[in-house]
Amino acid sequence: MNAQGVKDEEHLEELLRNDNYIVQVKLDGMRAVVHITHTGLRIFSRSAGVADPTRPLEKTSSLPHLADLKFPALVGTILDAEILIPGKDSAELAGTVHRKELDDDNARVRVFIFDCLRLCGKDLCGQTLRSRLDSLAKISHLLQSDYMTVLPFAQTTVQKKTLYDRIIASGGEGVMLKNLNATYLEGGRPSNNWFKAKKSATFDCVVIGFTTGKGKYNTQIGALRFGQYVDGTLVELGQASGMSDRERMVFSLSPDEYIGKVVTIKGMERLKSGAVRHPQFAGLRSDKHATECTWYRGEQ
């Protein structure tokens, strides 16, 4: 059940006021489906693997500390969750989980549960999220472990706005807004079920240059180098990709023509250094002059 991004601030406010939507923190981890068996936990990805498109990838062998957990009263239960390593992002987690040799990071992986898909053998996918969360609440006391947490949620408008503001202010990833009346759908992206609201902003910047592409882009440009004027001097503030294949091709054919052009960069936030966190190319701006792209030190 993939999430759609909120359209704009007005859409976000509408969802926060809607009693049919709850809010949970958005975690920068990896989606996981957790099966509780007689012998312990089995942990799978939600989507199928490349080698066998009929079967989700199993991650159990990489997470022995989780595989050893036993919940005899909940055998036959399937939980929807996010796994993560505290202090690490999803890319670092993926490297840990897919690495053949185990290290200390494998033992640091935690499970954050946000849905119950099957309860002691009974399929709950046809029930609404509201009903599934009720079932999860009833068994949460049985899921006692230092490695597992049932993710709380905010339901009233005040609670939702407070949670969102707190997460954004603390530099968090953002929030998920979930429809309480939605049933669970395997795969796909059903309309109006889940939305994600991430901290982001746009910045008008000047193209300084391009990096050399790698891999399948080894004959094209890689990332776009961008900057802004600081006290009259053009200062490089980062590199961004995210352009379409067509845009990459156009830049690659005549890169020098774009040096000094204005582009919009979208990112999570501006750091104190002036750099943009998680920058992505969002488009060219022909209506703005390069000298208008300024940053004042300390401005965020």
Protein backbone atom coordinates (compact mmCIF):
# COMPACT_ATOMS: atom_id res chain seq x y z
CA MET A 1 0.00 0.00 0.00
CA ASN A 2 2.34 2.68 -1.30
CA ALA A 3 1.84 6.25 -0.17
CA GLN A 4 1.09 9.28 -2.31
CA GLY A 5 2.66 12.63 -1.53
CA VAL A 6 0.42 15.39 -0.25
CA LYS A 7 -0.29 17.92 -3.01
CA ASP A 8 0.41 21.09 -1.08
CA GLU A 9 0.03 22.79 2.31
CA GLU A 10 -3.72 23.18 1.80
CA HIS A 11 -4.09 19.46 1.13
CA LEU A 12 -2.03 18.67 4.23
CA GLU A 13 -4.23 20.90 6.40
CA GLU A 14 -7.33 19.22 4.97
CA LEU A 15 -6.02 15.78 5.91
CA LEU A 16 -4.99 16.92 9.39
CA ARG A 17 -8.55 18.16 10.00
CA ASN A 18 -10.15 15.00 8.59
CA ASP A 19 -11.27 12.65 11.40
CA ASN A 20 -10.93 9.66 9.06
CA TYR A 21 -7.14 10.04 8.90
CA ILE A 22 -4.57 9.24 11.56
CA VAL A 23 -0.97 10.43 11.62
CA GLN A 24 2.16 8.39 12.36
CA VAL A 25 5.81 9.32 12.20
CA LYS A 26 7.45 8.48 8.86
CA LEU A 27 10.48 6.28 9.48
CA ASP A 28 13.52 6.18 7.22
CA GLY A 29 13.82 2.41 7.20
CA MET A 30 12.68 -0.57 5.17
CA ARG A 31 9.18 -2.03 4.92
CA ALA A 32 8.88 -5.54 6.35
CA VAL A 33 6.17 -8.15 6.82
CA VAL A 34 6.72 -10.12 10.02
CA HIS A 35 5.35 -13.65 10.40
CA ILE A 36 5.08 -15.07 13.93
CA THR A 37 5.70 -18.83 13.81
CA HIS A 38 6.21 -21.62 16.34
CA THR A 39 9.98 -21.41 15.88
CA GLY A 40 10.29 -17.63 15.91
CA LEU A 41 9.90 -14.71 13.53
CA ARG A 42 10.24 -14.82 9.75
CA ILE A 43 10.79 -11.46 8.10
CA PHE A 44 10.02 -10.71 4.46
CA SER A 45 10.04 -7.72 2.16
CA ARG A 46 6.62 -6.57 1.02
CA SER A 47 7.50 -6.89 -2.68
CA ALA A 48 8.83 -9.83 -4.64
CA GLY A 49 12.49 -10.28 -5.44
CA VAL A 50 14.06 -10.09 -8.89
CA ALA A 51 15.17 -13.73 -8.94
CA ASP A 52 11.68 -15.02 -8.10
CA PRO A 53 8.87 -12.53 -8.90
CA THR A 54 6.34 -14.79 -7.17
CA ARG A 55 7.99 -14.69 -3.75
CA PRO A 56 8.94 -11.79 -1.44
CA LEU A 57 12.56 -11.59 -0.36
CA GLU A 58 13.22 -13.12 3.04
CA LYS A 59 15.50 -11.20 5.39
CA THR A 60 15.36 -13.56 8.38
CA SER A 61 18.90 -14.93 8.06
CA SER A 62 20.35 -11.41 8.30
CA LEU A 63 18.45 -10.71 11.52
CA PRO A 64 19.03 -13.66 13.88
CA HIS A 65 18.24 -11.64 17.00
CA LEU A 66 14.75 -11.04 15.60
CA ALA A 67 14.35 -14.54 14.22
CA ASP A 68 14.87 -15.93 17.75
CA LEU A 69 11.96 -13.97 19.24
CA LYS A 70 9.01 -16.19 20.16
CA PHE A 71 5.43 -15.15 20.91
CA PRO A 72 3.59 -18.48 21.45
CA ALA A 73 0.20 -16.83 22.05
CA LEU A 74 0.42 -15.10 18.65
CA VAL A 75 1.49 -17.90 16.33
CA GLY A 76 -0.12 -17.40 12.93
CA THR A 77 -0.07 -13.59 13.25
CA ILE A 78 1.31 -11.41 10.46
CA LEU A 79 2.39 -7.84 11.16
CA ASP A 80 3.12 -4.97 8.80
CA ALA A 81 6.16 -3.05 10.01
CA GLU A 82 9.22 -0.95 9.31
CA ILE A 83 12.69 -2.14 10.24
CA LEU A 84 15.48 0.32 10.88
CA ILE A 85 18.80 0.89 12.58
CA PRO A 86 18.68 3.85 14.98
CA GLY A 87 20.86 6.66 13.64
CA LYS A 88 21.21 5.10 10.18
CA ASP A 89 19.26 5.83 7.00
CA SER A 90 17.50 3.39 4.67
CA ALA A 91 20.50 3.06 2.34
CA GLU A 92 22.76 2.01 5.22
CA LEU A 93 20.09 -0.39 6.46
CA ALA A 94 19.79 -1.99 3.01
CA GLY A 95 23.55 -2.52 2.92
CA THR A 96 23.44 -4.20 6.32
CA VAL A 97 20.48 -6.47 5.58
CA HIS A 98 21.77 -7.58 2.18
CA ARG A 99 25.35 -8.14 3.27
CA LYS A 100 26.31 -11.82 3.54
CA GLU A 101 28.56 -11.35 6.57
CA LEU A 102 26.84 -10.28 9.79
CA ASP A 103 28.25 -7.44 11.89
CA ASP A 104 27.24 -5.33 14.89
CA ASP A 105 24.75 -3.31 12.84
CA ASN A 106 22.64 -6.41 12.10
CA ALA A 107 21.99 -6.84 15.82
CA ARG A 108 20.88 -3.19 16.10
CA VAL A 109 17.96 -3.55 13.70
CA ARG A 110 14.61 -2.77 15.37
CA VAL A 111 11.02 -3.48 14.29
CA PHE A 112 8.30 -0.81 14.43
CA ILE A 113 4.84 -2.34 13.95
CA PHE A 114 2.00 -0.30 12.50
CA ASP A 115 -0.56 -2.84 11.25
CA CYS A 116 -1.91 -6.35 11.86
CA LEU A 117 -2.73 -8.30 8.68
CA ARG A 118 -3.50 -11.68 10.24
CA LEU A 119 -4.29 -12.51 13.85
CA CYS A 120 -3.61 -16.06 15.01
CA GLY A 121 -4.52 -17.38 11.59
CA LYS A 122 -7.50 -15.08 10.94
CA ASP A 123 -7.13 -12.86 7.86
CA LEU A 124 -7.76 -9.19 8.68
CA CYS A 125 -6.91 -7.66 5.28
CA GLY A 126 -10.56 -7.24 4.35
CA GLN A 127 -11.22 -5.23 7.49
CA THR A 128 -10.75 -1.46 7.76
CA LEU A 129 -7.56 0.02 9.17
CA ARG A 130 -9.62 1.19 12.15
CA SER A 131 -10.55 -2.42 12.94
CA ARG A 132 -7.02 -3.72 12.35
CA LEU A 133 -5.57 -1.10 14.69
CA ASP A 134 -8.06 -2.17 17.36
CA SER A 135 -6.81 -5.74 16.96
CA LEU A 136 -3.20 -4.57 17.15
CA ALA A 137 -3.93 -2.60 20.33
CA LYS A 138 -5.39 -5.72 21.97
CA ILE A 139 -2.22 -7.76 21.39
CA SER A 140 0.38 -5.02 21.88
CA HIS A 141 1.02 -6.12 25.47
CA LEU A 142 2.03 -9.55 24.15
CA LEU A 143 4.67 -8.08 21.82
CA GLN A 144 7.09 -7.30 24.61
CA SER A 145 10.68 -7.05 23.37
CA ASP A 146 13.57 -4.59 23.39
CA TYR A 147 13.64 -5.01 19.62
CA MET A 148 9.97 -4.38 18.83
CA THR A 149 7.73 -1.34 19.22
CA VAL A 150 4.09 -0.82 18.28
CA LEU A 151 4.07 2.56 16.58
CA PRO A 152 1.67 5.03 18.22
CA PHE A 153 -0.57 7.33 16.20
CA ALA A 154 -2.36 10.66 16.57
CA GLN A 155 -6.08 10.87 15.83
CA THR A 156 -7.56 14.24 16.82
CA THR A 157 -6.78 17.35 14.77
CA VAL A 158 -4.82 18.92 17.62
CA GLN A 159 -2.83 15.73 18.22
CA LYS A 160 -2.05 15.35 14.52
CA LYS A 161 -0.90 18.93 14.08
CA THR A 162 1.20 18.72 17.25
CA LEU A 163 2.88 15.51 16.10
CA TYR A 164 3.57 16.87 12.62
CA ASP A 165 5.03 20.14 13.95
CA ARG A 166 7.19 18.28 16.49
CA ILE A 167 8.62 15.89 13.91
CA ILE A 168 9.39 18.62 11.39
CA ALA A 169 10.91 20.89 14.06
CA SER A 170 13.19 18.07 15.24
CA GLY A 171 14.44 17.40 11.71
CA GLY A 172 12.48 14.19 11.28
CA GLU A 173 11.59 12.55 7.98
CA GLY A 174 7.92 13.58 8.07
CA VAL A 175 4.60 11.85 8.72
CA MET A 176 2.26 9.30 7.19
CA LEU A 177 -1.46 10.06 7.02
CA LYS A 178 -3.60 6.90 6.82
CA ASN A 179 -7.27 6.41 6.03
CA LEU A 180 -9.03 4.57 8.88
CA ASN A 181 -11.77 3.35 6.53
CA ALA A 182 -9.41 1.70 4.04
CA THR A 183 -8.97 -2.06 3.73
CA TYR A 184 -5.53 -3.53 3.10
CA LEU A 185 -4.55 -3.95 -0.55
CA GLU A 186 -1.51 -6.02 -1.52
CA GLY A 187 0.68 -3.98 -3.86
CA GLY A 188 -0.45 -1.05 -5.98
CA ARG A 189 -1.21 2.49 -4.89
CA PRO A 190 -4.89 2.82 -4.01
CA SER A 191 -6.18 6.37 -4.14
CA ASN A 192 -6.66 8.27 -0.87
CA ASN A 193 -5.48 5.48 1.46
CA TRP A 194 -2.02 6.66 2.52
CA PHE A 195 -0.35 10.03 2.09
CA LYS A 196 3.13 11.11 3.10
CA ALA A 197 4.08 14.63 4.16
CA LYS A 198 7.81 15.18 4.19
CA LYS A 199 9.77 18.25 5.11
CA SER A 200 10.85 19.92 1.89
CA ALA A 201 11.49 23.29 0.33
CA THR A 202 12.58 24.69 -3.02
CA PHE A 203 15.61 26.86 -3.74
CA ASP A 204 16.45 28.80 -6.91
CA CYS A 205 20.09 28.14 -7.70
CA VAL A 206 22.70 28.69 -10.41
CA VAL A 207 24.19 25.84 -12.44
CA ILE A 208 27.93 25.76 -11.77
CA GLY A 209 28.76 22.57 -13.63
CA PHE A 210 28.12 18.86 -13.90
CA THR A 211 29.75 15.71 -12.60
CA THR A 212 30.65 12.79 -14.86
CA GLY A 213 28.05 10.03 -15.02
CA LYS A 214 28.74 6.49 -13.84
CA GLY A 215 27.31 3.07 -14.65
CA LYS A 216 24.57 3.31 -17.25
CA TYR A 217 25.17 7.08 -17.39
CA ASN A 218 28.91 6.82 -18.08
CA THR A 219 28.48 8.61 -21.43
CA GLN A 220 26.32 11.37 -19.95
CA ILE A 221 26.38 13.87 -17.11
CA GLY A 222 25.93 12.54 -13.61
CA ALA A 223 24.74 15.21 -11.20
CA LEU A 224 24.19 18.94 -11.57
CA ARG A 225 26.43 21.18 -9.43
CA PHE A 226 24.60 24.22 -8.10
CA GLY A 227 25.22 27.29 -6.00
CA GLN A 228 23.95 30.68 -4.91
CA TYR A 229 25.46 34.13 -4.49
CA VAL A 230 26.82 34.92 -1.03
CA ASP A 231 27.98 38.53 -0.53
CA GLY A 232 28.29 38.86 -4.30
CA THR A 233 30.29 35.66 -4.81
CA LEU A 234 28.83 32.52 -6.38
CA VAL A 235 29.33 29.70 -3.87
CA GLU A 236 28.78 26.02 -4.63
CA LEU A 237 26.20 24.49 -2.26
CA GLY A 238 25.71 20.97 -3.53
CA GLN A 239 25.01 18.48 -6.30
CA ALA A 240 21.63 17.23 -7.44
CA SER A 241 20.31 14.50 -9.70
CA GLY A 242 16.64 13.57 -10.10
CA MET A 243 16.33 14.77 -13.69
CA SER A 244 14.43 12.66 -16.21
CA ASP A 245 16.31 10.63 -18.83
CA ARG A 246 15.34 13.21 -21.45
CA GLU A 247 16.56 16.12 -19.30
CA ARG A 248 19.81 14.27 -18.61
CA MET A 249 20.30 13.71 -22.35
CA VAL A 250 19.67 17.39 -23.15
CA PHE A 251 22.15 18.52 -20.48
CA SER A 252 24.69 15.98 -21.73
CA LEU A 253 24.52 17.12 -25.36
CA SER A 254 25.52 20.72 -24.54
CA PRO A 255 26.41 21.10 -20.86
CA ASP A 256 28.27 24.41 -21.33
CA GLU A 257 25.05 26.07 -22.52
CA TYR A 258 23.50 25.53 -19.08
CA ILE A 259 26.33 26.91 -16.96
CA GLY A 260 24.97 30.04 -15.29
CA LYS A 261 21.34 29.11 -15.89
CA VAL A 262 18.86 29.17 -13.01
CA VAL A 263 17.33 25.91 -11.79
CA THR A 264 14.97 25.01 -8.99
CA ILE A 265 16.36 22.56 -6.45
CA LYS A 266 14.03 20.72 -4.10
CA GLY A 267 15.38 19.44 -0.80
CA MET A 268 14.47 18.44 2.71
CA GLU A 269 15.89 21.61 4.26
CA ARG A 270 18.82 24.01 4.17
CA LEU A 271 21.65 23.22 6.55
CA LYS A 272 23.58 25.85 8.50
CA SER A 273 26.40 25.54 5.96
CA GLY A 274 24.00 26.62 3.21
CA ALA A 275 23.95 23.14 1.67
CA VAL A 276 20.58 21.62 0.77
CA ARG A 277 19.74 18.30 2.41
CA HIS A 278 18.77 15.54 -0.08
CA PRO A 279 18.75 17.90 -3.10
CA GLN A 280 16.85 16.95 -6.26
CA PHE A 281 16.62 18.77 -9.60
CA ALA A 282 13.07 20.17 -9.99
CA GLY A 283 13.31 22.16 -13.24
CA LEU A 284 14.77 25.10 -15.13
CA ARG A 285 13.72 28.71 -14.48
CA SER A 286 13.96 30.95 -17.52
CA ASP A 287 12.18 33.80 -15.74
CA LYS A 288 14.88 34.47 -13.16
CA HIS A 289 18.38 35.94 -13.44
CA ALA A 290 21.31 34.19 -11.79
CA THR A 291 22.15 37.22 -9.62
CA GLU A 292 18.74 36.88 -7.94
CA CYS A 293 19.78 33.53 -6.49
CA THR A 294 21.22 34.66 -3.16
CA TRP A 295 21.77 33.19 0.26
CA TYR A 296 22.64 35.09 3.41
CA ARG A 297 24.91 33.25 5.81
CA GLY A 298 22.93 31.79 8.67
CA GLU A 299 19.68 31.83 6.66
CA GLN A 300 17.82 28.48 6.77
